[in-house]
């Protein structure tokens, strides 16, 4: 796997839905996985993820944890050579994953 895209979600169902839709619609030849850590949301985010995005790996926290702790959980679960940490309100443009992957390949010390 080349890239792991990681989101931390806490009661941001609609923003997360939009972020995931733009990510999956962005044209990319880069193999990637998506991991969402749901930080004890009460807005039915988990149901939305399971129903609308079955390929997304979900880590569900039963209680709220700090954002850094959530990112660390996701990074440990990630299989990508690179990890892209995003907010549930991040919108992905076309070819951005390829640009990111190419940049990282050209600048290994980053």
Foldseek 3Di string as FASTA:
>chain_A
DAEEEEEEDAQPQVLLVQQVVLVVPADDPDDYAYEYEYQCHPNCSVVCCVVVPVRHHYHYDNHGDDPVVSVVVVVVVDDHPYYHYDYSNDGDHHPPVVVVSVVCVVPVVD
